[in-house]
C-alpha atoms as a PDB file:
ATOM      1  CA  MET A   1       8.120  -7.729  -4.367  1.00  0.00           C
ATOM      2  CA  ALA A   2       6.988 -10.632  -1.948  1.00  0.00           C
ATOM      3  CA  ALA A   3       3.899 -11.760  -2.494  1.00  0.00           C
ATOM      4  CA  ALA A   4       2.535 -12.477   1.641  1.00  0.00           C
ATOM      5  CA  VAL A   5       0.059 -14.962   1.934  1.00  0.00           C
ATOM      6  CA  PHE A   6      -1.960 -16.788   4.339  1.00  0.00           C
ATOM      7  CA  HIS A   7      -0.853 -20.357   6.024  1.00  0.00           C
ATOM      8  CA  GLN A   8      -2.700 -23.307   5.506  1.00  0.00           C
ATOM      9  CA  SER A   9      -3.163 -24.386   9.002  1.00  0.00           C
ATOM     10  CA  LEU A  10      -5.915 -21.146   9.871  1.00  0.00           C
ATOM     11  CA  GLY A  11      -7.661 -21.936   6.438  1.00  0.00           C
ATOM     12  CA  THR A  12      -6.167 -18.792   4.750  1.00  0.00           C
ATOM     13  CA  PHE A  13      -3.463 -18.356   2.333  1.00  0.00           C
ATOM     14  CA  LEU A  14       0.112 -20.123   1.814  1.00  0.00           C
ATOM     15  CA  PRO A  15       3.025 -17.518   0.968  1.00  0.00           C
ATOM     16  CA  HIS A  16       4.572 -18.184  -2.313  1.00  0.00           C
ATOM     17  CA  GLY A  17       6.867 -15.814  -4.197  1.00  0.00           C
ATOM     18  CA  GLN A  18       8.688 -14.723  -0.535  1.00  0.00           C
ATOM     19  CA  ALA A  19      12.280 -13.322  -0.455  1.00  0.00           C
ATOM     20  CA  ASN A  20      15.237 -14.969   1.692  1.00  0.00           C
ATOM     21  CA  VAL A  21      14.585 -12.273   5.025  1.00  0.00           C
ATOM     22  CA  ALA A  22      18.333 -11.702   4.269  1.00  0.00           C
ATOM     23  CA  SER A  23      18.331 -10.036   1.052  1.00  0.00           C
ATOM     24  CA  ASN A  24      15.815  -7.835   1.232  1.00  0.00           C
ATOM     25  CA  VAL A  25      17.487  -5.982   3.691  1.00  0.00           C
ATOM     26  CA  PRO A  26      16.545  -2.580   3.137  1.00  0.00           C
ATOM     27  CA  LYS A  27      19.632  -0.064   1.367  1.00  0.00           C
ATOM     28  CA  LEU A  28      19.839   3.136   2.319  1.00  0.00           C
ATOM     29  CA  ASN A  29      20.599   5.833   0.826  1.00  0.00           C
ATOM     30  CA  SER A  30      21.863   9.313   1.794  1.00  0.00           C
ATOM     31  CA  LYS A  31      19.020  11.008   2.777  1.00  0.00           C
ATOM     32  CA  CYS A  32      16.259  10.874   5.886  1.00  0.00           C
ATOM     33  CA  PHE A  33      13.354  12.394   7.609  1.00  0.00           C
ATOM     34  CA  LYS A  34      12.006  13.616  10.134  1.00  0.00           C
ATOM     35  CA  VAL A  35       8.992  13.274  12.429  1.00  0.00           C
ATOM     36  CA  GLU A  36       6.600  13.300  15.533  1.00  0.00           C
ATOM     37  CA  VAL A  37       3.052  12.108  16.430  1.00  0.00           C
ATOM     38  CA  GLY A  38       0.571  14.654  16.075  1.00  0.00           C
ATOM     39  CA  ILE A  39      -2.827  15.319  14.972  1.00  0.00           C
ATOM     40  CA  PHE A  40      -4.619  14.417  12.134  1.00  0.00           C
ATOM     41  CA  ARG A  41      -5.652  16.775   9.304  1.00  0.00           C
ATOM     42  CA  LYS A  42      -8.333  16.299   7.378  1.00  0.00           C
ATOM     43  CA  LYS A  43      -8.448  15.338   4.401  1.00  0.00           C
ATOM     44  CA  SER A  44     -11.377  14.426   1.628  1.00  0.00           C
ATOM     45  CA  PRO A  45     -10.810  10.637   1.362  1.00  0.00           C
ATOM     46  CA  ARG A  46      -9.876  10.521  -3.142  1.00  0.00           C
ATOM     47  CA  SER A  47      -9.789   7.231  -5.006  1.00  0.00           C
ATOM     48  CA  ARG A  48      -6.904   4.874  -5.167  1.00  0.00           C
ATOM     49  CA  ASN A  49      -5.640   3.293  -9.065  1.00  0.00           C
ATOM     50  CA  THR A  50      -2.927   1.047  -7.431  1.00  0.00           C
ATOM     51  CA  SER A  51      -2.004  -1.694  -9.646  1.00  0.00           C
ATOM     52  CA  ILE A  52      -2.122  -5.097  -7.303  1.00  0.00           C
ATOM     53  CA  ARG A  53      -2.847  -8.420  -7.976  1.00  0.00           C
ATOM     54  CA  ALA A  54      -5.034  -9.631  -5.825  1.00  0.00           C
ATOM     55  CA  ILE A  55      -4.756 -12.677  -3.538  1.00  0.00           C
ATOM     56  CA  GLN A  56      -6.910 -15.872  -4.477  1.00  0.00           C
ATOM     57  CA  SER A  57      -7.701 -18.810  -2.170  1.00  0.00           C
ATOM     58  CA  SER A  58      -8.599 -22.352  -2.767  1.00  0.00           C
ATOM     59  CA  SER A  59     -11.624 -23.822  -2.619  1.00  0.00           C
ATOM     60  CA  SER A  60     -10.692 -26.363  -0.482  1.00  0.00           C
ATOM     61  CA  GLN A  61      -9.189 -23.595   2.635  1.00  0.00           C
ATOM     62  CA  THR A  62     -11.514 -22.291   4.944  1.00  0.00           C
ATOM     63  CA  SER A  63     -12.070 -18.331   5.363  1.00  0.00           C
ATOM     64  CA  VAL A  64     -10.929 -17.081   8.685  1.00  0.00           C
ATOM     65  CA  VAL A  65     -13.268 -13.805   8.388  1.00  0.00           C
ATOM     66  CA  ASP A  66     -15.663 -13.676  10.849  1.00  0.00           C
ATOM     67  CA  PRO A  67     -19.423 -15.916   9.871  1.00  0.00           C
ATOM     68  CA  ILE A  68     -21.652 -12.863  11.612  1.00  0.00           C
ATOM     69  CA  LEU A  69     -19.991 -10.382   8.771  1.00  0.00           C
ATOM     70  CA  SER A  70     -20.547 -12.272   6.210  1.00  0.00           C
ATOM     71  CA  PRO A  71     -21.733 -11.938   2.836  1.00  0.00           C
ATOM     72  CA  SER A  72     -24.872 -12.877   0.948  1.00  0.00           C
ATOM     73  CA  ILE A  73     -23.393 -16.106  -0.675  1.00  0.00           C
ATOM     74  CA  ASN A  74     -25.968 -15.026  -3.561  1.00  0.00           C
ATOM     75  CA  THR A  75     -24.008 -12.221  -4.308  1.00  0.00           C
ATOM     76  CA  SER A  76     -21.749 -11.896  -7.054  1.00  0.00           C
ATOM     77  CA  ASP A  77     -18.022 -11.506  -7.346  1.00  0.00           C
ATOM     78  CA  ASP A  78     -18.432  -7.758  -9.136  1.00  0.00           C
ATOM     79  CA  SER A  79     -21.408  -6.195  -7.234  1.00  0.00           C
ATOM     80  CA  GLN A  80     -19.800  -8.166  -3.771  1.00  0.00           C
ATOM     81  CA  LYS A  81     -16.522  -6.213  -3.785  1.00  0.00           C
ATOM     82  CA  LYS A  82     -19.288  -2.520  -5.012  1.00  0.00           C
ATOM     83  CA  GLN A  83     -20.888  -3.509  -1.512  1.00  0.00           C
ATOM     84  CA  ASN A  84     -17.124  -4.470   0.583  1.00  0.00           C
ATOM     85  CA  GLU A  85     -16.332  -2.254   3.570  1.00  0.00           C
ATOM     86  CA  ALA A  86     -13.914  -2.863   5.907  1.00  0.00           C
ATOM     87  CA  ALA A  87     -12.578  -1.796   8.777  1.00  0.00           C
ATOM     88  CA  LEU A  88      -8.910  -0.360   9.489  1.00  0.00           C
ATOM     89  CA  ILE A  89      -7.347  -0.447  12.527  1.00  0.00           C
ATOM     90  CA  LEU A  90      -3.528   1.259  13.444  1.00  0.00           C
ATOM     91  CA  ILE A  91      -2.175   1.004  16.657  1.00  0.00           C
ATOM     92  CA  ARG A  92       1.385   2.078  17.995  1.00  0.00           C
ATOM     93  CA  HIS A  93       3.018   0.124  19.664  1.00  0.00           C
ATOM     94  CA  GLY A  94       3.237   1.208  23.627  1.00  0.00           C
ATOM     95  CA  GLU A  95       6.090   2.422  25.447  1.00  0.00           C
ATOM     96  CA  SER A  96       9.246   0.443  25.116  1.00  0.00           C
ATOM     97  CA  LEU A  97      11.773   0.095  27.803  1.00  0.00           C
ATOM     98  CA  TRP A  98      14.324   2.664  25.357  1.00  0.00           C
ATOM     99  CA  ASN A  99      10.685   4.580  25.047  1.00  0.00           C
ATOM    100  CA  GLU A 100      10.615   5.262  29.228  1.00  0.00           C
ATOM    101  CA  LYS A 101      14.985   5.785  29.035  1.00  0.00           C
ATOM    102  CA  ASN A 102      14.231   8.458  26.393  1.00  0.00           C
ATOM    103  CA  LEU A 103      17.091   5.970  24.212  1.00  0.00           C
ATOM    104  CA  PHE A 104      16.770   6.094  19.829  1.00  0.00           C
ATOM    105  CA  THR A 105      15.124   2.902  19.766  1.00  0.00           C
ATOM    106  CA  GLY A 106      14.855   2.057  15.910  1.00  0.00           C
ATOM    107  CA  CYS A 107      15.748  -1.336  14.780  1.00  0.00           C
ATOM    108  CA  VAL A 108      17.302  -2.787  18.701  1.00  0.00           C
ATOM    109  CA  ASP A 109      14.196  -5.754  19.595  1.00  0.00           C
ATOM    110  CA  VAL A 110      12.819  -4.360  22.757  1.00  0.00           C
ATOM    111  CA  PRO A 111       9.966  -4.904  25.044  1.00  0.00           C
ATOM    112  CA  LEU A 112       7.689  -2.964  26.719  1.00  0.00           C
ATOM    113  CA  THR A 113       7.266  -1.715  30.005  1.00  0.00           C
ATOM    114  CA  ARG A 114       4.632  -2.237  31.961  1.00  0.00           C
ATOM    115  CA  LYS A 115       3.284   1.099  30.972  1.00  0.00           C
ATOM    116  CA  GLY A 116       3.233  -0.382  27.763  1.00  0.00           C
ATOM    117  CA  VAL A 117       1.476  -3.208  28.439  1.00  0.00           C
ATOM    118  CA  GLU A 118      -1.461  -1.318  29.924  1.00  0.00           C
ATOM    119  CA  GLU A 119      -1.431   0.749  26.537  1.00  0.00           C
ATOM    120  CA  ALA A 120      -1.616  -2.256  24.506  1.00  0.00           C
ATOM    121  CA  ILE A 121      -4.145  -3.370  27.533  1.00  0.00           C
ATOM    122  CA  GLU A 122      -6.215  -0.195  27.035  1.00  0.00           C
ATOM    123  CA  ALA A 123      -5.527   0.219  23.307  1.00  0.00           C
ATOM    124  CA  GLY A 124      -7.932  -3.547  23.080  1.00  0.00           C
ATOM    125  CA  LYS A 125     -10.753  -2.018  25.299  1.00  0.00           C
ATOM    126  CA  ARG A 126     -10.968   0.917  22.821  1.00  0.00           C
ATOM    127  CA  ILE A 127     -11.467  -0.951  19.999  1.00  0.00           C
ATOM    128  CA  SER A 128     -13.293  -4.942  21.713  1.00  0.00           C
ATOM    129  CA  ASN A 129     -16.397  -4.020  19.187  1.00  0.00           C
ATOM    130  CA  ILE A 130     -14.784  -3.192  16.422  1.00  0.00           C
ATOM    131  CA  PRO A 131     -14.215  -6.816  13.794  1.00  0.00           C
ATOM    132  CA  VAL A 132     -10.176  -8.254  13.304  1.00  0.00           C
ATOM    133  CA  ASP A 133      -9.974 -10.354  10.864  1.00  0.00           C
ATOM    134  CA  MET A 134      -5.855 -10.252  10.262  1.00  0.00           C
ATOM    135  CA  ILE A 135      -3.374  -8.604  12.316  1.00  0.00           C
ATOM    136  CA  TYR A 136      -0.290  -7.243  10.552  1.00  0.00           C
ATOM    137  CA  THR A 137       2.800  -6.922  12.811  1.00  0.00           C
ATOM    138  CA  SER A 138       5.991  -5.411  12.817  1.00  0.00           C
ATOM    139  CA  SER A 139       8.751  -8.200  13.301  1.00  0.00           C
ATOM    140  CA  LEU A 140       9.979  -6.715  16.319  1.00  0.00           C
ATOM    141  CA  ILE A 141       7.975  -7.797  19.778  1.00  0.00           C
ATOM    142  CA  ARG A 142       7.167  -4.151  21.089  1.00  0.00           C
ATOM    143  CA  ALA A 143       4.483  -3.963  17.893  1.00  0.00           C
ATOM    144  CA  GLN A 144       3.431  -7.468  18.881  1.00  0.00           C
ATOM    145  CA  MET A 145       3.504  -7.649  22.224  1.00  0.00           C
ATOM    146  CA  THR A 146       0.534  -4.480  21.729  1.00  0.00           C
ATOM    147  CA  ALA A 147      -0.497  -7.065  19.015  1.00  0.00           C
ATOM    148  CA  MET A 148      -1.468 -10.200  21.673  1.00  0.00           C
ATOM    149  CA  LEU A 149      -2.522  -7.887  24.297  1.00  0.00           C
ATOM    150  CA  ALA A 150      -4.686  -5.851  22.257  1.00  0.00           C
ATOM    151  CA  MET A 151      -6.343  -8.675  21.246  1.00  0.00           C
ATOM    152  CA  THR A 152      -7.120 -10.686  24.477  1.00  0.00           C
ATOM    153  CA  GLN A 153      -9.432  -7.675  25.272  1.00  0.00           C
ATOM    154  CA  HIS A 154     -11.400  -7.935  22.339  1.00  0.00           C
ATOM    155  CA  ARG A 155     -14.930  -9.158  22.854  1.00  0.00           C
ATOM    156  CA  ARG A 156     -14.786 -11.774  19.774  1.00  0.00           C
ATOM    157  CA  LYS A 157     -11.978 -13.714  21.796  1.00  0.00           C
ATOM    158  CA  LYS A 158     -10.635 -15.706  18.574  1.00  0.00           C
ATOM    159  CA  VAL A 159      -7.003 -16.090  19.504  1.00  0.00           C
ATOM    160  CA  PRO A 160      -3.904 -14.961  17.424  1.00  0.00           C
ATOM    161  CA  VAL A 161      -1.669 -17.444  16.112  1.00  0.00           C
ATOM    162  CA  ILE A 162       1.209 -16.090  14.427  1.00  0.00           C
ATOM    163  CA  ILE A 163       1.560 -17.265  10.550  1.00  0.00           C
ATOM    164  CA  HIS A 164       5.193 -19.106  10.815  1.00  0.00           C
ATOM    165  CA  ASN A 165       6.281 -18.844   6.386  1.00  0.00           C
ATOM    166  CA  GLU A 166      10.389 -19.076   7.072  1.00  0.00           C
ATOM    167  CA  THR A 167      10.505 -22.472   6.313  1.00  0.00           C
ATOM    168  CA  GLU A 168       8.320 -25.335   4.479  1.00  0.00           C
ATOM    169  CA  GLN A 169       8.348 -27.255   8.331  1.00  0.00           C
ATOM    170  CA  ALA A 170       7.685 -24.228   9.866  1.00  0.00           C
ATOM    171  CA  ARG A 171       4.694 -24.674   7.710  1.00  0.00           C
ATOM    172  CA  VAL A 172       3.775 -28.004   8.235  1.00  0.00           C
ATOM    173  CA  TRP A 173       4.897 -28.342  12.084  1.00  0.00           C
ATOM    174  CA  SER A 174       2.738 -25.111  12.711  1.00  0.00           C
ATOM    175  CA  GLN A 175      -1.364 -26.215  11.328  1.00  0.00           C
ATOM    176  CA  ILE A 176      -3.717 -26.832  12.476  1.00  0.00           C
ATOM    177  CA  PHE A 177      -6.206 -29.118  12.237  1.00  0.00           C
ATOM    178  CA  SER A 178      -9.416 -28.687  13.613  1.00  0.00           C
ATOM    179  CA  GLU A 179     -12.024 -26.111  11.648  1.00  0.00           C
ATOM    180  CA  GLU A 180     -13.810 -25.601  14.220  1.00  0.00           C
ATOM    181  CA  THR A 181      -9.883 -24.286  16.270  1.00  0.00           C
ATOM    182  CA  LYS A 182      -9.084 -22.204  12.343  1.00  0.00           C
ATOM    183  CA  LYS A 183     -12.236 -20.460  12.835  1.00  0.00           C
ATOM    184  CA  GLN A 184     -11.632 -18.789  15.869  1.00  0.00           C
ATOM    185  CA  SER A 185      -8.430 -18.394  15.496  1.00  0.00           C
ATOM    186  CA  ILE A 186      -6.939 -14.805  14.143  1.00  0.00           C
ATOM    187  CA  PRO A 187      -3.499 -15.095  11.298  1.00  0.00           C
ATOM    188  CA  VAL A 188      -0.558 -12.565  12.785  1.00  0.00           C
ATOM    189  CA  ILE A 189       1.721 -11.646   9.530  1.00  0.00           C
ATOM    190  CA  ALA A 190       4.398 -10.104  10.232  1.00  0.00           C
ATOM    191  CA  SER A 191       7.245  -8.547   8.500  1.00  0.00           C
ATOM    192  CA  TRP A 192      10.170  -5.849   8.520  1.00  0.00           C
ATOM    193  CA  ARG A 193       8.639  -4.155   6.595  1.00  0.00           C
ATOM    194  CA  LEU A 194       6.669  -2.052   9.178  1.00  0.00           C
ATOM    195  CA  ASN A 195       9.622  -2.190  11.579  1.00  0.00           C
ATOM    196  CA  GLU A 196      10.416   1.359  12.446  1.00  0.00           C
ATOM    197  CA  ARG A 197      13.124   3.725  11.046  1.00  0.00           C
ATOM    198  CA  MET A 198      16.184   2.861  11.197  1.00  0.00           C
ATOM    199  CA  TYR A 199      18.544   4.731  13.084  1.00  0.00           C
ATOM    200  CA  GLY A 200      21.969   3.949  11.827  1.00  0.00           C
ATOM    201  CA  GLU A 201      24.503   5.052  14.668  1.00  0.00           C
ATOM    202  CA  LEU A 202      21.691   6.814  16.645  1.00  0.00           C
ATOM    203  CA  GLN A 203      20.601   3.183  17.450  1.00  0.00           C
ATOM    204  CA  GLY A 204      20.961   2.976  21.640  1.00  0.00           C
ATOM    205  CA  LEU A 205      22.784   6.580  22.170  1.00  0.00           C
ATOM    206  CA  ASN A 206      20.390   8.641  24.798  1.00  0.00           C
ATOM    207  CA  LYS A 207      18.475  12.294  23.122  1.00  0.00           C
ATOM    208  CA  GLN A 208      19.687  14.462  25.571  1.00  0.00           C
ATOM    209  CA  GLU A 209      23.557  13.921  25.029  1.00  0.00           C
ATOM    210  CA  THR A 210      23.330  13.027  21.488  1.00  0.00           C
ATOM    211  CA  ALA A 211      22.467  17.383  21.035  1.00  0.00           C
ATOM    212  CA  ASP A 212      24.629  17.608  23.522  1.00  0.00           C
ATOM    213  CA  ARG A 213      27.224  16.726  21.526  1.00  0.00           C
ATOM    214  CA  TYR A 214      25.946  16.533  17.640  1.00  0.00           C
ATOM    215  CA  GLY A 215      23.885  19.764  18.467  1.00  0.00           C
ATOM    216  CA  LYS A 216      19.943  20.254  19.158  1.00  0.00           C
ATOM    217  CA  GLU A 217      19.240  21.485  15.207  1.00  0.00           C
ATOM    218  CA  GLN A 218      21.500  18.521  13.591  1.00  0.00           C
ATOM    219  CA  VAL A 219      19.605  15.856  16.148  1.00  0.00           C
ATOM    220  CA  HIS A 220      16.613  17.763  15.531  1.00  0.00           C
ATOM    221  CA  GLU A 221      17.282  17.475  11.597  1.00  0.00           C
ATOM    222  CA  TRP A 222      17.637  13.969  11.734  1.00  0.00           C
ATOM    223  CA  ARG A 223      14.621  13.441  13.905  1.00  0.00           C
ATOM    224  CA  ARG A 224      12.108  15.068  12.361  1.00  0.00           C
ATOM    225  CA  SER A 225      13.426  16.128   8.290  1.00  0.00           C
ATOM    226  CA  TYR A 226      12.024  13.979   5.490  1.00  0.00           C
ATOM    227  CA  ASP A 227      14.553  12.901   3.646  1.00  0.00           C
ATOM    228  CA  ILE A 228      18.056  13.785   5.675  1.00  0.00           C
ATOM    229  CA  PRO A 229      19.255  10.333   7.435  1.00  0.00           C
ATOM    230  CA  PRO A 230      20.990   9.382  10.497  1.00  0.00           C
ATOM    231  CA  PRO A 231      24.172   8.201   9.719  1.00  0.00           C
ATOM    232  CA  ASN A 232      23.724   5.124   9.127  1.00  0.00           C
ATOM    233  CA  GLY A 233      20.008   4.936   8.692  1.00  0.00           C
ATOM    234  CA  GLU A 234      16.872   5.192   7.006  1.00  0.00           C
ATOM    235  CA  SER A 235      15.157   9.129   6.616  1.00  0.00           C
ATOM    236  CA  LEU A 236      11.468   8.706   6.732  1.00  0.00           C
ATOM    237  CA  GLU A 237      11.123   8.330   3.356  1.00  0.00           C
ATOM    238  CA  MET A 238      12.814   5.214   2.777  1.00  0.00           C
ATOM    239  CA  CYS A 239      11.455   3.920   5.607  1.00  0.00           C
ATOM    240  CA  ALA A 240       7.685   5.142   3.689  1.00  0.00           C
ATOM    241  CA  GLU A 241       9.372   3.752   0.482  1.00  0.00           C
ATOM    242  CA  ARG A 242       9.297   0.423   1.863  1.00  0.00           C
ATOM    243  CA  ALA A 243       6.451   0.740   4.416  1.00  0.00           C
ATOM    244  CA  VAL A 244       3.572   1.725   1.971  1.00  0.00           C
ATOM    245  CA  ALA A 245       4.754  -0.427  -0.941  1.00  0.00           C
ATOM    246  CA  TYR A 246       4.407  -3.604   1.690  1.00  0.00           C
ATOM    247  CA  PHE A 247       1.260  -2.578   2.836  1.00  0.00           C
ATOM    248  CA  LYS A 248      -0.989  -1.762  -1.345  1.00  0.00           C
ATOM    249  CA  ASP A 249       1.212  -4.689  -1.780  1.00  0.00           C
ATOM    250  CA  GLN A 250       0.187  -7.674   0.854  1.00  0.00           C
ATOM    251  CA  ILE A 251      -3.120  -5.517   2.826  1.00  0.00           C
ATOM    252  CA  VAL A 252      -5.062  -3.618   0.763  1.00  0.00           C
ATOM    253  CA  PRO A 253      -5.790  -7.009  -1.295  1.00  0.00           C
ATOM    254  CA  GLN A 254      -7.218  -7.730   2.286  1.00  0.00           C
ATOM    255  CA  LEU A 255      -9.156  -5.342   2.864  1.00  0.00           C
ATOM    256  CA  GLN A 256     -11.121  -4.769  -1.419  1.00  0.00           C
ATOM    257  CA  SER A 257     -11.638  -8.965   0.353  1.00  0.00           C
ATOM    258  CA  GLY A 258     -13.757  -7.173   3.060  1.00  0.00           C
ATOM    259  CA  LYS A 259     -11.597  -8.624   5.063  1.00  0.00           C
ATOM    260  CA  ASN A 260     -11.245  -6.371   8.809  1.00  0.00           C
ATOM    261  CA  VAL A 261      -7.518  -5.697   9.212  1.00  0.00           C
ATOM    262  CA  MET A 262      -5.110  -3.923  12.432  1.00  0.00           C
ATOM    263  CA  ILE A 263      -2.198  -3.166  12.144  1.00  0.00           C
ATOM    264  CA  ALA A 264       0.453  -3.144  15.734  1.00  0.00           C
ATOM    265  CA  ALA A 265       3.553  -1.187  14.397  1.00  0.00           C
ATOM    266  CA  HIS A 266       5.408   2.284  15.242  1.00  0.00           C
ATOM    267  CA  GLY A 267       6.137   5.415  15.200  1.00  0.00           C
ATOM    268  CA  ASN A 268       7.738   6.547  11.466  1.00  0.00           C
ATOM    269  CA  SER A 269       6.112   3.145   9.668  1.00  0.00           C
ATOM    270  CA  LEU A 270       2.702   4.327  11.051  1.00  0.00           C
ATOM    271  CA  ARG A 271       3.106   7.609  10.207  1.00  0.00           C
ATOM    272  CA  SER A 272       4.320   6.713   6.281  1.00  0.00           C
ATOM    273  CA  ILE A 273       1.639   4.364   5.634  1.00  0.00           C
ATOM    274  CA  ILE A 274      -1.168   7.427   7.353  1.00  0.00           C
ATOM    275  CA  MET A 275      -0.037   9.709   4.450  1.00  0.00           C
ATOM    276  CA  TYR A 276      -0.784   7.553   1.964  1.00  0.00           C
ATOM    277  CA  LEU A 277      -3.870   7.711   3.123  1.00  0.00           C
ATOM    278  CA  ASP A 278      -4.277  10.987   3.274  1.00  0.00           C
ATOM    279  CA  LYS A 279      -2.266  12.134   1.169  1.00  0.00           C
ATOM    280  CA  LEU A 280      -0.201  14.226   2.854  1.00  0.00           C
ATOM    281  CA  THR A 281       2.159  16.272   2.070  1.00  0.00           C
ATOM    282  CA  SER A 282       6.195  15.986   2.943  1.00  0.00           C
ATOM    283  CA  GLN A 283       5.724  18.728   5.063  1.00  0.00           C
ATOM    284  CA  GLU A 284       2.074  17.811   7.030  1.00  0.00           C
ATOM    285  CA  VAL A 285       3.745  14.437   7.704  1.00  0.00           C
ATOM    286  CA  ILE A 286       6.658  15.971   9.360  1.00  0.00           C
ATOM    287  CA  SER A 287       3.795  17.445  11.954  1.00  0.00           C
ATOM    288  CA  LEU A 288       2.067  14.430  12.401  1.00  0.00           C
ATOM    289  CA  GLU A 289       1.811  12.891  15.780  1.00  0.00           C
ATOM    290  CA  LEU A 290       0.841   9.231  16.781  1.00  0.00           C
ATOM    291  CA  SER A 291       0.596   8.048  20.562  1.00  0.00           C
ATOM    292  CA  THR A 292       1.267   5.136  22.356  1.00  0.00           C
ATOM    293  CA  GLY A 293      -1.174   2.269  22.568  1.00  0.00           C
ATOM    294  CA  ILE A 294      -4.304   4.948  21.295  1.00  0.00           C
ATOM    295  CA  PRO A 295      -5.945   3.067  18.117  1.00  0.00           C
ATOM    296  CA  MET A 296      -7.053   4.882  14.728  1.00  0.00           C
ATOM    297  CA  LEU A 297      -9.205   3.721  12.797  1.00  0.00           C
ATOM    298  CA  TYR A 298     -10.266   4.008   9.101  1.00  0.00           C
ATOM    299  CA  ILE A 299     -12.660   2.728   7.197  1.00  0.00           C
ATOM    300  CA  PHE A 300     -12.258   1.170   3.629  1.00  0.00           C
ATOM    301  CA  LYS A 301     -14.889   1.752   1.026  1.00  0.00           C
ATOM    302  CA  GLU A 302     -15.212   1.254  -2.675  1.00  0.00           C
ATOM    303  CA  GLY A 303     -11.808   2.059  -2.799  1.00  0.00           C
ATOM    304  CA  ASN A 304     -11.276   5.319  -0.468  1.00  0.00           C
ATOM    305  CA  PHE A 305     -10.098   5.824   3.128  1.00  0.00           C
ATOM    306  CA  ILE A 306     -11.966   7.001   5.441  1.00  0.00           C
ATOM    307  CA  ARG A 307     -10.994   7.992   8.352  1.00  0.00           C
ATOM    308  CA  ARG A 308     -13.064   7.752  11.445  1.00  0.00           C
ATOM    309  CA  GLY A 309     -10.858   8.595  14.458  1.00  0.00           C
ATOM    310  CA  SER A 310     -10.110   7.192  17.856  1.00  0.00           C
ATOM    311  CA  PRO A 311     -12.642   5.363  19.346  1.00  0.00           C
ATOM    312  CA  ALA A 312     -12.347   6.559  23.769  1.00  0.00           C
ATOM    313  CA  GLY A 313     -13.567   3.929  25.470  1.00  0.00           C
ATOM    314  CA  PRO A 314     -15.711  -0.011  23.454  1.00  0.00           C
ATOM    315  CA  SER A 315     -19.231   1.648  24.732  1.00  0.00           C
ATOM    316  CA  GLU A 316     -18.389   5.238  22.045  1.00  0.00           C
ATOM    317  CA  ALA A 317     -22.213   5.180  20.573  1.00  0.00           C
ATOM    318  CA  GLY A 318     -19.851   7.004  17.498  1.00  0.00           C
ATOM    319  CA  VAL A 319     -17.597   4.577  17.015  1.00  0.00           C
ATOM    320  CA  TYR A 320     -20.834   2.040  15.873  1.00  0.00           C
ATOM    321  CA  ALA A 321     -22.486   5.136  13.881  1.00  0.00           C
ATOM    322  CA  TYR A 322     -19.863   5.682  11.876  1.00  0.00           C
ATOM    323  CA  THR A 323     -20.805   2.179   9.126  1.00  0.00           C
ATOM    324  CA  ARG A 324     -24.389  -0.059   9.000  1.00  0.00           C
ATOM    325  CA  ARG A 325     -21.573  -2.747   8.738  1.00  0.00           C
ATOM    326  CA  LEU A 326     -20.019  -2.023  12.331  1.00  0.00           C
ATOM    327  CA  ALA A 327     -23.271  -1.066  13.780  1.00  0.00           C
ATOM    328  CA  LEU A 328     -24.241  -4.473  13.292  1.00  0.00           C
ATOM    329  CA  TYR A 329     -21.721  -6.641  14.422  1.00  0.00           C
ATOM    330  CA  ARG A 330     -21.875  -4.557  17.756  1.00  0.00           C
ATOM    331  CA  GLN A 331     -25.055  -5.155  17.998  1.00  0.00           C
ATOM    332  CA  LYS A 332     -24.832  -9.421  17.292  1.00  0.00           C
ATOM    333  CA  LEU A 333     -21.745  -9.446  19.643  1.00  0.00           C
ATOM    334  CA  ASP A 334     -24.433  -8.180  22.080  1.00  0.00           C
ATOM    335  CA  GLU A 335     -26.512 -10.664  21.646  1.00  0.00           C
ATOM    336  CA  MET A 336     -24.678 -13.542  21.594  1.00  0.00           C
ATOM    337  CA  LEU A 337     -22.300 -12.570  24.614  1.00  0.00           C
ATOM    338  CA  ASN A 338     -25.038 -10.555  26.932  1.00  0.00           C
END
């Protein structure tokens, strides 16, 4: 497993032990899944006793965590860990050009439509008062566009900076040398493990024409089952294996350290992560729907993920009453910016 750590130029962590991307292409087997974006079922949050290697920073590096949320420096490591609370925001990308054309997209890299751009901006407005310290996206442009456009609406006005770890030269060339600039930046980590599931031989085909050719029942099985893949493609089960493993290995340690994380990804990769967070069964997850451009908020506290739904607007009182920490952040933003 690759251990994603963050770039020195942002004063966080440097990636190490990262495998070559070409060697990380997922191997497909003959299983598939079914999916659609849908209604969330309420489940009691439970503790996760996952074995995750914590990511540590060197003493010479500067944290990019927002100072208005930083814990007291007098807090011990053990007690601080117990008190840590973090926000997790999940956003499915806005409408893409192939969504508009009713084509199977999968891992084909196509951008947003004008409507998709508007959806991303609206998503940003909905989370404009929720802290974001780190952003994770897939390697696909529609997810990255959504993340960047959403952050243009955030009241904190921090700038998302894409972390390039592919070569030593890329790391050196993208360094930031201003400490003040680092504090006003948010690292953006892109990974193919958060990509949409690969639709194999269906990618680029019109969905209605494909149903006419193979039959509605067959296409429905490819699209909506959990463990049956389309020809030479991935099932939801296979997509979940890579997406959830990445979430547990790379993202959970950041939440455990108190960082607030936004993930901009895709219907199936996010559905997989929600299946893990809410402990959904393979039957429950196939009816789960996620609308494009609608953020979902979770609170990570004492090892539990607590789902708080979707912020309906930037001033919705209920969202900021969920935790004292979020309410305090909102209050400090008001004092600082008004």
